[in-house]
Amino acid sequence: KELNDVYNLILKKLPAKEKTKLKAEQ
């Protein structure tokens, strides 16, 4: 749960291209 929470917090801060990269990384 903590992992998912911080992952979603990061996604909210990132621009679109970086979001795509993080999603693929995760």
mmCIF file of all heavy atoms, coordinates in Angstrom:
data_MODEL
# 
_entry.id   MODEL 
# 
loop_
_atom_site.group_PDB 
_atom_site.id 
_atom_site.type_symbol 
_atom_site.label_atom_id 
_atom_site.label_alt_id 
_atom_site.label_comp_id 
_atom_site.label_asym_id 
_atom_site.label_entity_id 
_atom_site.label_seq_id 
_atom_site.pdbx_PDB_ins_code 
_atom_site.Cartn_x 
_atom_site.Cartn_y 
_atom_site.Cartn_z 
_atom_site.occupancy 
_atom_site.B_iso_or_equiv 
_atom_site.pdbx_formal_charge 
_atom_site.auth_seq_id 
_atom_site.auth_comp_id 
_atom_site.auth_asym_id 
_atom_site.auth_atom_id 
_atom_site.pdbx_PDB_model_num 
ATOM 1   N N   . LYS A 1 1  ? 0.831  -1.203 0.000   1.00 0.00 ? 1  LYS A N   1 
ATOM 2   C CA  . LYS A 1 1  ? 0.000  0.000  0.000   1.00 0.00 ? 1  LYS A CA  1 
ATOM 3   C C   . LYS A 1 1  ? 0.868  1.258  0.000   1.00 0.00 ? 1  LYS A C   1 
ATOM 4   O O   . LYS A 1 1  ? 0.605  2.216  -0.745  1.00 0.00 ? 1  LYS A O   1 
ATOM 5   C CB  . LYS A 1 1  ? -0.923 0.015  1.216   1.00 0.00 ? 1  LYS A CB  1 
ATOM 6   C CG  . LYS A 1 1  ? -1.818 1.259  1.298   1.00 0.00 ? 1  LYS A CG  1 
ATOM 7   C CD  . LYS A 1 1  ? -2.678 1.247  2.537   1.00 0.00 ? 1  LYS A CD  1 
ATOM 8   C CE  . LYS A 1 1  ? -3.557 2.489  2.600   1.00 0.00 ? 1  LYS A CE  1 
ATOM 9   N NZ  . LYS A 1 1  ? -2.780 3.757  2.585   1.00 0.00 ? 1  LYS A NZ  1 
ATOM 10  N N   . GLU A 1 2  ? 1.902  1.278  0.829   1.00 0.00 ? 2  GLU A N   1 
ATOM 11  C CA  . GLU A 1 2  ? 2.802  2.436  0.881   1.00 0.00 ? 2  GLU A CA  1 
ATOM 12  C C   . GLU A 1 2  ? 3.500  2.631  -0.468  1.00 0.00 ? 2  GLU A C   1 
ATOM 13  O O   . GLU A 1 2  ? 3.680  3.766  -0.926  1.00 0.00 ? 2  GLU A O   1 
ATOM 14  C CB  . GLU A 1 2  ? 3.841  2.251  1.984   1.00 0.00 ? 2  GLU A CB  1 
ATOM 15  C CG  . GLU A 1 2  ? 3.276  2.309  3.398   1.00 0.00 ? 2  GLU A CG  1 
ATOM 16  C CD  . GLU A 1 2  ? 2.835  3.709  3.811   1.00 0.00 ? 2  GLU A CD  1 
ATOM 17  O OE1 . GLU A 1 2  ? 3.103  4.679  3.067   1.00 0.00 ? 2  GLU A OE1 1 
ATOM 18  O OE2 . GLU A 1 2  ? 2.224  3.836  4.893   1.00 0.00 ? 2  GLU A OE2 1 
ATOM 19  N N   . LEU A 1 3  ? 3.881  1.529  -1.087  1.00 0.00 ? 3  LEU A N   1 
ATOM 20  C CA  . LEU A 1 3  ? 4.513  1.595  -2.400  1.00 0.00 ? 3  LEU A CA  1 
ATOM 21  C C   . LEU A 1 3  ? 3.579  2.237  -3.419  1.00 0.00 ? 3  LEU A C   1 
ATOM 22  O O   . LEU A 1 3  ? 3.972  3.144  -4.166  1.00 0.00 ? 3  LEU A O   1 
ATOM 23  C CB  . LEU A 1 3  ? 4.905  0.181  -2.849  1.00 0.00 ? 3  LEU A CB  1 
ATOM 24  C CG  . LEU A 1 3  ? 5.346  0.015  -4.310  1.00 0.00 ? 3  LEU A CG  1 
ATOM 25  C CD1 . LEU A 1 3  ? 6.585  0.838  -4.606  1.00 0.00 ? 3  LEU A CD1 1 
ATOM 26  C CD2 . LEU A 1 3  ? 5.599  -1.457 -4.619  1.00 0.00 ? 3  LEU A CD2 1 
ATOM 27  N N   . ASN A 1 4  ? 2.336  1.783  -3.457  1.00 0.00 ? 4  ASN A N   1 
ATOM 28  C CA  . ASN A 1 4  ? 1.367  2.338  -4.405  1.00 0.00 ? 4  ASN A CA  1 
ATOM 29  C C   . ASN A 1 4  ? 1.077  3.806  -4.126  1.00 0.00 ? 4  ASN A C   1 
ATOM 30  O O   . ASN A 1 4  ? 0.907  4.610  -5.053  1.00 0.00 ? 4  ASN A O   1 
ATOM 31  C CB  . ASN A 1 4  ? 0.070  1.524  -4.370  1.00 0.00 ? 4  ASN A CB  1 
ATOM 32  C CG  . ASN A 1 4  ? 0.247  0.131  -4.939  1.00 0.00 ? 4  ASN A CG  1 
ATOM 33  O OD1 . ASN A 1 4  ? 1.078  -0.085 -5.819  1.00 0.00 ? 4  ASN A OD1 1 
ATOM 34  N ND2 . ASN A 1 4  ? -0.524 -0.823 -4.436  1.00 0.00 ? 4  ASN A ND2 1 
ATOM 35  N N   . ASP A 1 5  ? 1.035  4.159  -2.855  1.00 0.00 ? 5  ASP A N   1 
ATOM 36  C CA  . ASP A 1 5  ? 0.762  5.557  -2.488  1.00 0.00 ? 5  ASP A CA  1 
ATOM 37  C C   . ASP A 1 5  ? 1.858  6.495  -2.991  1.00 0.00 ? 5  ASP A C   1 
ATOM 38  O O   . ASP A 1 5  ? 1.572  7.534  -3.599  1.00 0.00 ? 5  ASP A O   1 
ATOM 39  C CB  . ASP A 1 5  ? 0.641  5.693  -0.962  1.00 0.00 ? 5  ASP A CB  1 
ATOM 40  C CG  . ASP A 1 5  ? -0.666 5.132  -0.418  1.00 0.00 ? 5  ASP A CG  1 
ATOM 41  O OD1 . ASP A 1 5  ? -1.566 4.854  -1.227  1.00 0.00 ? 5  ASP A OD1 1 
ATOM 42  O OD2 . ASP A 1 5  ? -0.767 4.960  0.812   1.00 0.00 ? 5  ASP A OD2 1 
ATOM 43  N N   . VAL A 1 6  ? 3.107  6.142  -2.741  1.00 0.00 ? 6  VAL A N   1 
ATOM 44  C CA  . VAL A 1 6  ? 4.203  7.036  -3.144  1.00 0.00 ? 6  VAL A CA  1 
ATOM 45  C C   . VAL A 1 6  ? 4.366  7.029  -4.658  1.00 0.00 ? 6  VAL A C   1 
ATOM 46  O O   . VAL A 1 6  ? 4.699  8.052  -5.267  1.00 0.00 ? 6  VAL A O   1 
ATOM 47  C CB  . VAL A 1 6  ? 5.518  6.665  -2.420  1.00 0.00 ? 6  VAL A CB  1 
ATOM 48  C CG1 . VAL A 1 6  ? 6.098  5.349  -2.911  1.00 0.00 ? 6  VAL A CG1 1 
ATOM 49  C CG2 . VAL A 1 6  ? 6.544  7.793  -2.597  1.00 0.00 ? 6  VAL A CG2 1 
ATOM 50  N N   . TYR A 1 7  ? 4.107  5.898  -5.291  1.00 0.00 ? 7  TYR A N   1 
ATOM 51  C CA  . TYR A 1 7  ? 4.145  5.812  -6.760  1.00 0.00 ? 7  TYR A CA  1 
ATOM 52  C C   . TYR A 1 7  ? 3.137  6.789  -7.371  1.00 0.00 ? 7  TYR A C   1 
ATOM 53  O O   . TYR A 1 7  ? 3.458  7.543  -8.299  1.00 0.00 ? 7  TYR A O   1 
ATOM 54  C CB  . TYR A 1 7  ? 3.840  4.378  -7.187  1.00 0.00 ? 7  TYR A CB  1 
ATOM 55  C CG  . TYR A 1 7  ? 3.592  4.189  -8.666  1.00 0.00 ? 7  TYR A CG  1 
ATOM 56  C CD1 . TYR A 1 7  ? 4.629  4.301  -9.596  1.00 0.00 ? 7  TYR A CD1 1 
ATOM 57  C CD2 . TYR A 1 7  ? 2.319  3.886  -9.139  1.00 0.00 ? 7  TYR A CD2 1 
ATOM 58  C CE1 . TYR A 1 7  ? 4.393  4.117  -10.951 1.00 0.00 ? 7  TYR A CE1 1 
ATOM 59  C CE2 . TYR A 1 7  ? 2.072  3.700  -10.487 1.00 0.00 ? 7  TYR A CE2 1 
ATOM 60  C CZ  . TYR A 1 7  ? 3.108  3.817  -11.388 1.00 0.00 ? 7  TYR A CZ  1 
ATOM 61  O OH  . TYR A 1 7  ? 2.868  3.637  -12.727 1.00 0.00 ? 7  TYR A OH  1 
ATOM 62  N N   . ASN A 1 8  ? 1.925  6.805  -6.829  1.00 0.00 ? 8  ASN A N   1 
ATOM 63  C CA  . ASN A 1 8  ? 0.896  7.720  -7.347  1.00 0.00 ? 8  ASN A CA  1 
ATOM 64  C C   . ASN A 1 8  ? 1.220  9.181  -7.042  1.00 0.00 ? 8  ASN A C   1 
ATOM 65  O O   . ASN A 1 8  ? 0.909  10.073 -7.839  1.00 0.00 ? 8  ASN A O   1 
ATOM 66  C CB  . ASN A 1 8  ? -0.470 7.346  -6.768  1.00 0.00 ? 8  ASN A CB  1 
ATOM 67  C CG  . ASN A 1 8  ? -1.013 6.059  -7.368  1.00 0.00 ? 8  ASN A CG  1 
ATOM 68  O OD1 . ASN A 1 8  ? -0.885 5.828  -8.559  1.00 0.00 ? 8  ASN A OD1 1 
ATOM 69  N ND2 . ASN A 1 8  ? -1.603 5.214  -6.533  1.00 0.00 ? 8  ASN A ND2 1 
ATOM 70  N N   . LEU A 1 9  ? 1.841  9.437  -5.903  1.00 0.00 ? 9  LEU A N   1 
ATOM 71  C CA  . LEU A 1 9  ? 2.254  10.807 -5.584  1.00 0.00 ? 9  LEU A CA  1 
ATOM 72  C C   . LEU A 1 9  ? 3.291  11.316 -6.584  1.00 0.00 ? 9  LEU A C   1 
ATOM 73  O O   . LEU A 1 9  ? 3.238  12.472 -7.022  1.00 0.00 ? 9  LEU A O   1 
ATOM 74  C CB  . LEU A 1 9  ? 2.832  10.867 -4.166  1.00 0.00 ? 9  LEU A CB  1 
ATOM 75  C CG  . LEU A 1 9  ? 1.834  10.802 -3.012  1.00 0.00 ? 9  LEU A CG  1 
ATOM 76  C CD1 . LEU A 1 9  ? 2.563  10.648 -1.682  1.00 0.00 ? 9  LEU A CD1 1 
ATOM 77  C CD2 . LEU A 1 9  ? 0.957  12.051 -2.989  1.00 0.00 ? 9  LEU A CD2 1 
ATOM 78  N N   . ILE A 1 10 ? 4.228  10.445 -6.957  1.00 0.00 ? 10 ILE A N   1 
ATOM 79  C CA  . ILE A 1 10 ? 5.239  10.830 -7.943  1.00 0.00 ? 10 ILE A CA  1 
ATOM 80  C C   . ILE A 1 10 ? 4.582  11.106 -9.293  1.00 0.00 ? 10 ILE A C   1 
ATOM 81  O O   . ILE A 1 10 ? 4.895  12.093 -9.971  1.00 0.00 ? 10 ILE A O   1 
ATOM 82  C CB  . ILE A 1 10 ? 6.316  9.741  -8.081  1.00 0.00 ? 10 ILE A CB  1 
ATOM 83  C CG1 . ILE A 1 10 ? 7.124  9.630  -6.788  1.00 0.00 ? 10 ILE A CG1 1 
ATOM 84  C CG2 . ILE A 1 10 ? 7.254  10.052 -9.244  1.00 0.00 ? 10 ILE A CG2 1 
ATOM 85  C CD1 . ILE A 1 10 ? 8.133  8.497  -6.783  1.00 0.00 ? 10 ILE A CD1 1 
ATOM 86  N N   . LEU A 1 11 ? 3.659  10.237 -9.694  1.00 0.00 ? 11 LEU A N   1 
ATOM 87  C CA  . LEU A 1 11 ? 2.978  10.423 -10.977 1.00 0.00 ? 11 LEU A CA  1 
ATOM 88  C C   . LEU A 1 11 ? 2.290  11.784 -11.063 1.00 0.00 ? 11 LEU A C   1 
ATOM 89  O O   . LEU A 1 11 ? 2.305  12.438 -12.110 1.00 0.00 ? 11 LEU A O   1 
ATOM 90  C CB  . LEU A 1 11 ? 1.940  9.318  -11.201 1.00 0.00 ? 11 LEU A CB  1 
ATOM 91  C CG  . LEU A 1 11 ? 2.454  7.941  -11.627 1.00 0.00 ? 11 LEU A CG  1 
ATOM 92  C CD1 . LEU A 1 11 ? 1.289  6.984  -11.772 1.00 0.00 ? 11 LEU A CD1 1 
ATOM 93  C CD2 . LEU A 1 11 ? 3.239  8.019  -12.926 1.00 0.00 ? 11 LEU A CD2 1 
ATOM 94  N N   . LYS A 1 12 ? 1.702  12.231 -9.960  1.00 0.00 ? 12 LYS A N   1 
ATOM 95  C CA  . LYS A 1 12 ? 1.006  13.520 -9.946  1.00 0.00 ? 12 LYS A CA  1 
ATOM 96  C C   . LYS A 1 12 ? 1.961  14.689 -10.174 1.00 0.00 ? 12 LYS A C   1 
ATOM 97  O O   . LYS A 1 12 ? 1.558  15.734 -10.697 1.00 0.00 ? 12 LYS A O   1 
ATOM 98  C CB  . LYS A 1 12 ? 0.270  13.706 -8.619  1.00 0.00 ? 12 LYS A CB  1 
ATOM 99  C CG  . LYS A 1 12 ? -0.951 12.805 -8.453  1.00 0.00 ? 12 LYS A CG  1 
ATOM 100 C CD  . LYS A 1 12 ? -1.595 13.007 -7.091  1.00 0.00 ? 12 LYS A CD  1 
ATOM 101 C CE  . LYS A 1 12 ? -2.784 12.076 -6.911  1.00 0.00 ? 12 LYS A CE  1 
ATOM 102 N NZ  . LYS A 1 12 ? -3.402 12.214 -5.572  1.00 0.00 ? 12 LYS A NZ  1 
ATOM 103 N N   . LYS A 1 13 ? 3.226  14.517 -9.804  1.00 0.00 ? 13 LYS A N   1 
ATOM 104 C CA  . LYS A 1 13 ? 4.185  15.612 -9.917  1.00 0.00 ? 13 LYS A CA  1 
ATOM 105 C C   . LYS A 1 13 ? 4.886  15.673 -11.273 1.00 0.00 ? 13 LYS A C   1 
ATOM 106 O O   . LYS A 1 13 ? 5.424  16.715 -11.636 1.00 0.00 ? 13 LYS A O   1 
ATOM 107 C CB  . LYS A 1 13 ? 5.248  15.494 -8.825  1.00 0.00 ? 13 LYS A CB  1 
ATOM 108 C CG  . LYS A 1 13 ? 4.826  16.029 -7.468  1.00 0.00 ? 13 LYS A CG  1 
ATOM 109 C CD  . LYS A 1 13 ? 6.045  16.288 -6.600  1.00 0.00 ? 13 LYS A CD  1 
ATOM 110 C CE  . LYS A 1 13 ? 5.690  17.062 -5.339  1.00 0.00 ? 13 LYS A CE  1 
ATOM 111 N NZ  . LYS A 1 13 ? 6.875  17.486 -4.597  1.00 0.00 ? 13 LYS A NZ  1 
ATOM 112 N N   . LEU A 1 14 ? 4.886  14.554 -11.992 1.00 0.00 ? 14 LEU A N   1 
ATOM 113 C CA  . LEU A 1 14 ? 5.699  14.480 -13.200 1.00 0.00 ? 14 LEU A CA  1 
ATOM 114 C C   . LEU A 1 14 ? 4.963  14.993 -14.429 1.00 0.00 ? 14 LEU A C   1 
ATOM 115 O O   . LEU A 1 14 ? 3.749  14.836 -14.544 1.00 0.00 ? 14 LEU A O   1 
ATOM 116 C CB  . LEU A 1 14 ? 6.128  13.030 -13.450 1.00 0.00 ? 14 LEU A CB  1 
ATOM 117 C CG  . LEU A 1 14 ? 7.099  12.419 -12.445 1.00 0.00 ? 14 LEU A CG  1 
ATOM 118 C CD1 . LEU A 1 14 ? 7.370  10.964 -12.811 1.00 0.00 ? 14 LEU A CD1 1 
ATOM 119 C CD2 . LEU A 1 14 ? 8.407  13.198 -12.384 1.00 0.00 ? 14 LEU A CD2 1 
ATOM 120 N N   . PRO A 1 15 ? 5.698  15.569 -15.399 1.00 0.00 ? 15 PRO A N   1 
ATOM 121 C CA  . PRO A 1 15 ? 5.105  15.908 -16.696 1.00 0.00 ? 15 PRO A CA  1 
ATOM 122 C C   . PRO A 1 15 ? 4.777  14.634 -17.460 1.00 0.00 ? 15 PRO A C   1 
ATOM 123 O O   . PRO A 1 15 ? 5.232  13.538 -17.104 1.00 0.00 ? 15 PRO A O   1 
ATOM 124 C CB  . PRO A 1 15 ? 6.210  16.714 -17.392 1.00 0.00 ? 15 PRO A CB  1 
ATOM 125 C CG  . PRO A 1 15 ? 7.469  16.310 -16.720 1.00 0.00 ? 15 PRO A CG  1 
ATOM 126 C CD  . PRO A 1 15 ? 7.112  15.976 -15.302 1.00 0.00 ? 15 PRO A CD  1 
ATOM 127 N N   . ALA A 1 16 ? 3.992  14.762 -18.544 1.00 0.00 ? 16 ALA A N   1 
ATOM 128 C CA  . ALA A 1 16 ? 3.427  13.602 -19.250 1.00 0.00 ? 16 ALA A CA  1 
ATOM 129 C C   . ALA A 1 16 ? 4.481  12.595 -19.686 1.00 0.00 ? 16 ALA A C   1 
ATOM 130 O O   . ALA A 1 16 ? 4.326  11.385 -19.478 1.00 0.00 ? 16 ALA A O   1 
ATOM 131 C CB  . ALA A 1 16 ? 2.627  14.083 -20.460 1.00 0.00 ? 16 ALA A CB  1 
ATOM 132 N N   . LYS A 1 17 ? 5.569  13.064 -20.284 1.00 0.00 ? 17 LYS A N   1 
ATOM 133 C CA  . LYS A 1 17 ? 6.589  12.145 -20.788 1.00 0.00 ? 17 LYS A CA  1 
ATOM 134 C C   . LYS A 1 17 ? 7.231  11.361 -19.656 1.00 0.00 ? 17 LYS A C   1 
ATOM 135 O O   . LYS A 1 17 ? 7.463  10.148 -19.771 1.00 0.00 ? 17 LYS A O   1 
ATOM 136 C CB  . LYS A 1 17 ? 7.656  12.918 -21.563 1.00 0.00 ? 17 LYS A CB  1 
ATOM 137 C CG  . LYS A 1 17 ? 8.720  12.023 -22.169 1.00 0.00 ? 17 LYS A CG  1 
ATOM 138 C CD  . LYS A 1 17 ? 9.742  12.839 -22.945 1.00 0.00 ? 17 LYS A CD  1 
ATOM 139 C CE  . LYS A 1 17 ? 10.848 11.947 -23.501 1.00 0.00 ? 17 LYS A CE  1 
ATOM 140 N NZ  . LYS A 1 17 ? 11.865 12.714 -24.239 1.00 0.00 ? 17 LYS A NZ  1 
ATOM 141 N N   . GLU A 1 18 ? 7.502  12.034 -18.536 1.00 0.00 ? 18 GLU A N   1 
ATOM 142 C CA  . GLU A 1 18 ? 8.121  11.357 -17.404 1.00 0.00 ? 18 GLU A CA  1 
ATOM 143 C C   . GLU A 1 18 ? 7.156  10.375 -16.747 1.00 0.00 ? 18 GLU A C   1 
ATOM 144 O O   . GLU A 1 18 ? 7.564  9.341  -16.228 1.00 0.00 ? 18 GLU A O   1 
ATOM 145 C CB  . GLU A 1 18 ? 8.616  12.390 -16.388 1.00 0.00 ? 18 GLU A CB  1 
ATOM 146 C CG  . GLU A 1 18 ? 9.708  13.304 -16.914 1.00 0.00 ? 18 GLU A CG  1 
ATOM 147 C CD  . GLU A 1 18 ? 10.917 12.531 -17.409 1.00 0.00 ? 18 GLU A CD  1 
ATOM 148 O OE1 . GLU A 1 18 ? 11.360 11.605 -16.694 1.00 0.00 ? 18 GLU A OE1 1 
ATOM 149 O OE2 . GLU A 1 18 ? 11.411 12.837 -18.502 1.00 0.00 ? 18 GLU A OE2 1 
ATOM 150 N N   . LYS A 1 19 ? 5.850  10.702 -16.776 1.00 0.00 ? 19 LYS A N   1 
ATOM 151 C CA  . LYS A 1 19 ? 4.850  9.761  -16.261 1.00 0.00 ? 19 LYS A CA  1 
ATOM 152 C C   . LYS A 1 19 ? 4.895  8.458  -17.051 1.00 0.00 ? 19 LYS A C   1 
ATOM 153 O O   . LYS A 1 19 ? 4.858  7.362  -16.478 1.00 0.00 ? 19 LYS A O   1 
ATOM 154 C CB  . LYS A 1 19 ? 3.444  10.365 -16.362 1.00 0.00 ? 19 LYS A CB  1 
ATOM 155 C CG  . LYS A 1 19 ? 3.114  11.389 -15.313 1.00 0.00 ? 19 LYS A CG  1 
ATOM 156 C CD  . LYS A 1 19 ? 1.686  11.882 -15.500 1.00 0.00 ? 19 LYS A CD  1 
ATOM 157 C CE  . LYS A 1 19 ? 1.361  12.965 -14.473 1.00 0.00 ? 19 LYS A CE  1 
ATOM 158 N NZ  . LYS A 1 19 ? -0.001 13.517 -14.670 1.00 0.00 ? 19 LYS A NZ  1 
ATOM 159 N N   . THR A 1 20 ? 4.967  8.586  -18.375 1.00 0.00 ? 20 THR A N   1 
ATOM 160 C CA  . THR A 1 20 ? 5.009  7.403  -19.236 1.00 0.00 ? 20 THR A CA  1 
ATOM 161 C C   . THR A 1 20 ? 6.216  6.541  -18.925 1.00 0.00 ? 20 THR A C   1 
ATOM 162 O O   . THR A 1 20 ? 6.128  5.315  -18.843 1.00 0.00 ? 20 THR A O   1 
ATOM 163 C CB  . THR A 1 20 ? 5.035  7.830  -20.716 1.00 0.00 ? 20 THR A CB  1 
ATOM 164 O OG1 . THR A 1 20 ? 3.885  8.627  -20.992 1.00 0.00 ? 20 THR A OG1 1 
ATOM 165 C CG2 . THR A 1 20 ? 5.025  6.621  -21.636 1.00 0.00 ? 20 THR A CG2 1 
ATOM 166 N N   . LYS A 1 21 ? 7.361  7.184  -18.714 1.00 0.00 ? 21 LYS A N   1 
ATOM 167 C CA  . LYS A 1 21 ? 8.591  6.451  -18.397 1.00 0.00 ? 21 LYS A CA  1 
ATOM 168 C C   . LYS A 1 21 ? 8.473  5.732  -17.058 1.00 0.00 ? 21 LYS A C   1 
ATOM 169 O O   . LYS A 1 21 ? 8.878  4.571  -16.920 1.00 0.00 ? 21 LYS A O   1 
ATOM 170 C CB  . LYS A 1 21 ? 9.778  7.413  -18.381 1.00 0.00 ? 21 LYS A CB  1 
ATOM 171 C CG  . LYS A 1 21 ? 10.189 7.906  -19.748 1.00 0.00 ? 21 LYS A CG  1 
ATOM 172 C CD  . LYS A 1 21 ? 11.231 8.992  -19.670 1.00 0.00 ? 21 LYS A CD  1 
ATOM 173 C CE  . LYS A 1 21 ? 12.540 8.519  -19.143 1.00 0.00 ? 21 LYS A CE  1 
ATOM 174 N NZ  . LYS A 1 21 ? 13.586 9.565  -19.191 1.00 0.00 ? 21 LYS A NZ  1 
ATOM 175 N N   . LEU A 1 22 ? 7.896  6.415  -16.056 1.00 0.00 ? 22 LEU A N   1 
ATOM 176 C CA  . LEU A 1 22 ? 7.768  5.796  -14.732 1.00 0.00 ? 22 LEU A CA  1 
ATOM 177 C C   . LEU A 1 22 ? 6.795  4.626  -14.775 1.00 0.00 ? 22 LEU A C   1 
ATOM 178 O O   . LEU A 1 22 ? 7.028  3.587  -14.136 1.00 0.00 ? 22 LEU A O   1 
ATOM 179 C CB  . LEU A 1 22 ? 7.316  6.825  -13.698 1.00 0.00 ? 22 LEU A CB  1 
ATOM 180 C CG  . LEU A 1 22 ? 7.151  6.283  -12.269 1.00 0.00 ? 22 LEU A CG  1 
ATOM 181 C CD1 . LEU A 1 22 ? 8.465  5.734  -11.735 1.00 0.00 ? 22 LEU A CD1 1 
ATOM 182 C CD2 . LEU A 1 22 ? 6.614  7.366  -11.330 1.00 0.00 ? 22 LEU A CD2 1 
ATOM 183 N N   . LYS A 1 23 ? 5.704  4.760  -15.530 1.00 0.00 ? 23 LYS A N   1 
ATOM 184 C CA  . LYS A 1 23 ? 4.742  3.665  -15.636 1.00 0.00 ? 23 LYS A CA  1 
ATOM 185 C C   . LYS A 1 23 ? 5.393  2.429  -16.247 1.00 0.00 ? 23 LYS A C   1 
ATOM 186 O O   . LYS A 1 23 ? 5.172  1.308  -15.776 1.00 0.00 ? 23 LYS A O   1 
ATOM 187 C CB  . LYS A 1 23 ? 3.542  4.109  -16.484 1.00 0.00 ? 23 LYS A CB  1 
ATOM 188 C CG  . LYS A 1 23 ? 2.604  5.068  -15.771 1.00 0.00 ? 23 LYS A CG  1 
ATOM 189 C CD  . LYS A 1 23 ? 1.462  5.491  -16.688 1.00 0.00 ? 23 LYS A CD  1 
ATOM 190 C CE  . LYS A 1 23 ? 0.515  6.458  -15.976 1.00 0.00 ? 23 LYS A CE  1 
ATOM 191 N NZ  . LYS A 1 23 ? -0.574 6.918  -16.873 1.00 0.00 ? 23 LYS A NZ  1 
ATOM 192 N N   . ALA A 1 24 ? 6.187  2.642  -17.276 1.00 0.00 ? 24 ALA A N   1 
ATOM 193 C CA  . ALA A 1 24 ? 6.882  1.515  -17.901 1.00 0.00 ? 24 ALA A CA  1 
ATOM 194 C C   . ALA A 1 24 ? 7.903  0.903  -16.942 1.00 0.00 ? 24 ALA A C   1 
ATOM 195 O O   . ALA A 1 24 ? 8.050  -0.320 -16.850 1.00 0.00 ? 24 ALA A O   1 
ATOM 196 C CB  . ALA A 1 24 ? 7.573  1.981  -19.182 1.00 0.00 ? 24 ALA A CB  1 
ATOM 197 N N   . GLU A 1 25 ? 8.596  1.768  -16.208 1.00 0.00 ? 25 GLU A N   1 
ATOM 198 C CA  . GLU A 1 25 ? 9.588  1.295  -15.228 1.00 0.00 ? 25 GLU A CA  1 
ATOM 199 C C   . GLU A 1 25 ? 8.911  0.458  -14.145 1.00 0.00 ? 25 GLU A C   1 
ATOM 200 O O   . GLU A 1 25 ? 9.403  -0.602 -13.761 1.00 0.00 ? 25 GLU A O   1 
ATOM 201 C CB  . GLU A 1 25 ? 10.291 2.496  -14.596 1.00 0.00 ? 25 GLU A CB  1 
ATOM 202 C CG  . GLU A 1 25 ? 11.258 2.141  -13.499 1.00 0.00 ? 25 GLU A CG  1 
ATOM 203 C CD  . GLU A 1 25 ? 11.725 3.361  -12.716 1.00 0.00 ? 25 GLU A CD  1 
ATOM 204 O OE1 . GLU A 1 25 ? 11.901 4.441  -13.331 1.00 0.00 ? 25 GLU A OE1 1 
ATOM 205 O OE2 . GLU A 1 25 ? 11.906 3.245  -11.484 1.00 0.00 ? 25 GLU A OE2 1 
ATOM 206 N N   . GLN A 1 26 ? 7.758  0.944  -13.646 1.00 0.00 ? 26 GLN A N   1 
ATOM 207 C CA  . GLN A 1 26 ? 7.062  0.227  -12.576 1.00 0.00 ? 26 GLN A CA  1 
ATOM 208 C C   . GLN A 1 26 ? 6.499  -1.100 -13.075 1.00 0.00 ? 26 GLN A C   1 
ATOM 209 O O   . GLN A 1 26 ? 6.528  -2.107 -12.356 1.00 0.00 ? 26 GLN A O   1 
ATOM 210 C CB  . GLN A 1 26 ? 5.939  1.098  -12.010 1.00 0.00 ? 26 GLN A CB  1 
ATOM 211 C CG  . GLN A 1 26 ? 5.250  0.520  -10.788 1.00 0.00 ? 26 GLN A CG  1 
ATOM 212 C CD  . GLN A 1 26 ? 6.160  0.481  -9.560  1.00 0.00 ? 26 GLN A CD  1 
ATOM 213 O OE1 . GLN A 1 26 ? 7.297  0.932  -9.596  1.00 0.00 ? 26 GLN A OE1 1 
ATOM 214 N NE2 . GLN A 1 26 ? 5.650  -0.061 -8.469  1.00 0.00 ? 26 GLN A NE2 1 
# 
